[in-house]
Amino acid sequence: MKRVAMMFAIAFVLTLSALAPAYAGAVGGSRYGQYSIRPSGTHTFQIAFRGGEYAKVVVDGDGSTDLDVYIYDRWGRRVAFDDDYLDYCYTEWYVGRTAVYTIKVVNRGGYFNYYELATN
């Protein structure tokens, strides 16, 4: 059931990208991947986003632990985050100019978490 919800969330993000060019996002198109993160682990991604548009990153875990997401610009400043006590994370921020952003996914729990990451 959770996988169906994630697919709807991804479809929603992609639909927004198609309907509103201001949400076009990542350079080269949207990204999607499935990952496994170890207990207390961190995954880091480097993704370029187009300037003058909004970027979105969605992370959806398997429900076993708390996942947090932090987005940093090229100067190391945090531009967006979702660090509540869930393993579903949604972030959105305005990209002033085309640049590479660092996305950090952190597992706050003591178990592996299998998650999906998607961008617009």
Protein backbone atom coordinates (compact mmCIF):
# COMPACT_ATOMS: atom_id res chain seq x y z
CA MET A 1 0.00 0.00 0.00
CA LYS A 2 2.82 2.39 0.86
CA ARG A 3 4.44 1.71 -2.54
CA VAL A 4 1.17 2.72 -4.24
CA ALA A 5 1.12 5.96 -2.23
CA MET A 6 4.73 6.71 -3.24
CA MET A 7 3.93 6.05 -6.89
CA PHE A 8 1.02 8.52 -6.64
CA ALA A 9 3.33 11.07 -5.01
CA ILE A 10 5.88 10.61 -7.79
CA ALA A 11 3.15 10.87 -10.43
CA PHE A 12 1.93 14.07 -8.78
CA VAL A 13 5.42 15.60 -8.78
CA LEU A 14 5.95 14.61 -12.41
CA THR A 15 2.52 15.98 -13.37
CA LEU A 16 3.36 19.31 -11.76
CA SER A 17 6.61 19.30 -13.72
CA ALA A 18 4.71 18.76 -16.96
CA LEU A 19 1.99 21.31 -16.23
CA ALA A 20 4.10 24.08 -14.72
CA PRO A 21 7.53 24.73 -16.21
CA ALA A 22 8.39 26.62 -13.00
CA TYR A 23 8.58 23.18 -11.36
CA ALA A 24 10.87 21.62 -13.95
CA GLY A 25 13.60 20.83 -11.37
CA ALA A 26 16.64 18.64 -11.90
CA VAL A 27 18.95 19.21 -14.85
CA GLY A 28 18.45 16.31 -17.26
CA GLY A 29 15.03 15.38 -15.85
CA SER A 30 13.57 13.93 -12.71
CA ARG A 31 15.45 11.33 -10.67
CA TYR A 32 14.13 8.21 -8.95
CA GLY A 33 15.87 5.46 -7.04
CA GLN A 34 15.39 2.77 -4.41
CA TYR A 35 17.97 2.48 -1.63
CA SER A 36 18.73 0.68 1.62
CA ILE A 37 20.24 2.74 4.42
CA ARG A 38 21.96 1.16 7.43
CA PRO A 39 21.04 2.00 11.03
CA SER A 40 22.23 5.52 11.95
CA GLY A 41 23.56 5.85 8.38
CA THR A 42 23.68 8.76 5.96
CA HIS A 43 23.33 8.74 2.17
CA THR A 44 24.56 11.74 0.18
CA PHE A 45 23.48 12.66 -3.34
CA GLN A 46 24.72 15.46 -5.61
CA ILE A 47 22.04 16.67 -8.05
CA ALA A 48 22.04 19.79 -10.24
CA PHE A 49 18.82 21.80 -10.34
CA ARG A 50 17.88 24.48 -12.88
CA GLY A 51 17.81 28.09 -11.78
CA GLY A 52 14.62 30.14 -11.77
CA GLU A 53 12.53 27.10 -10.81
CA TYR A 54 11.34 25.21 -7.76
CA ALA A 55 13.04 21.97 -6.83
CA LYS A 56 11.33 19.13 -5.00
CA VAL A 57 12.73 16.06 -3.29
CA VAL A 58 10.54 13.31 -1.84
CA VAL A 59 11.81 10.43 0.32
CA ASP A 60 9.49 7.58 1.33
CA GLY A 61 10.78 4.86 3.67
CA ASP A 62 9.44 1.44 4.61
CA GLY A 63 8.13 2.59 8.01
CA SER A 64 10.78 0.91 10.14
CA THR A 65 12.71 4.03 11.27
CA ASP A 66 12.69 7.83 11.20
CA LEU A 67 14.33 9.29 8.07
CA ASP A 68 15.36 12.93 7.76
CA VAL A 69 16.34 14.89 4.64
CA TYR A 70 18.60 17.95 4.46
CA ILE A 71 19.35 19.97 1.29
CA TYR A 72 22.48 22.14 1.04
CA ASP A 73 23.59 24.62 -1.61
CA ARG A 74 27.11 24.76 -3.02
CA TRP A 75 28.27 26.94 -0.11
CA GLY A 76 27.06 24.43 2.47
CA ARG A 77 24.03 26.46 3.53
CA ARG A 78 20.93 24.43 4.36
CA VAL A 79 18.15 25.52 1.98
CA ALA A 80 15.46 22.95 2.84
CA PHE A 81 14.85 20.08 5.23
CA ASP A 82 12.27 17.70 6.67
CA ASP A 83 13.28 16.29 10.03
CA ASP A 84 10.04 15.27 11.68
CA TYR A 85 9.60 11.83 13.27
CA LEU A 86 8.37 10.07 10.12
CA ASP A 87 10.12 8.31 7.29
CA TYR A 88 8.18 10.24 4.62
CA CYS A 89 9.98 13.48 3.78
CA TYR A 90 8.96 16.26 1.39
CA THR A 91 11.19 19.23 0.62
CA GLU A 92 10.76 22.14 -1.78
CA TRP A 93 12.88 25.23 -2.38
CA TYR A 94 13.43 27.91 -4.99
CA VAL A 95 16.64 27.58 -7.04
CA GLY A 96 17.98 31.03 -7.87
CA ARG A 97 20.55 29.86 -10.39
CA THR A 98 21.52 26.49 -11.83
CA ALA A 99 23.75 24.70 -9.36
CA VAL A 100 24.53 21.36 -7.75
CA TYR A 101 22.81 20.71 -4.43
CA THR A 102 23.73 18.14 -1.80
CA ILE A 103 20.91 15.95 -0.56
CA LYS A 104 21.51 14.07 2.70
CA VAL A 105 19.20 11.30 3.84
CA VAL A 106 19.76 10.31 7.48
CA ASN A 107 18.44 7.17 9.18
CA ARG A 108 17.74 8.06 12.83
CA GLY A 109 16.82 4.50 13.83
CA GLY A 110 18.47 1.25 14.83
CA TYR A 111 17.26 -0.78 11.82
CA PHE A 112 17.81 -0.78 8.07
CA ASN A 113 15.28 1.30 6.15
CA TYR A 114 14.47 0.68 2.48
CA TYR A 115 13.40 3.94 0.88
CA GLU A 116 12.64 5.62 -2.42
CA LEU A 117 13.95 9.03 -3.43
CA ALA A 118 12.38 11.10 -6.21
CA THR A 119 12.96 14.60 -7.58
CA ASN A 120 10.99 16.70 -10.02
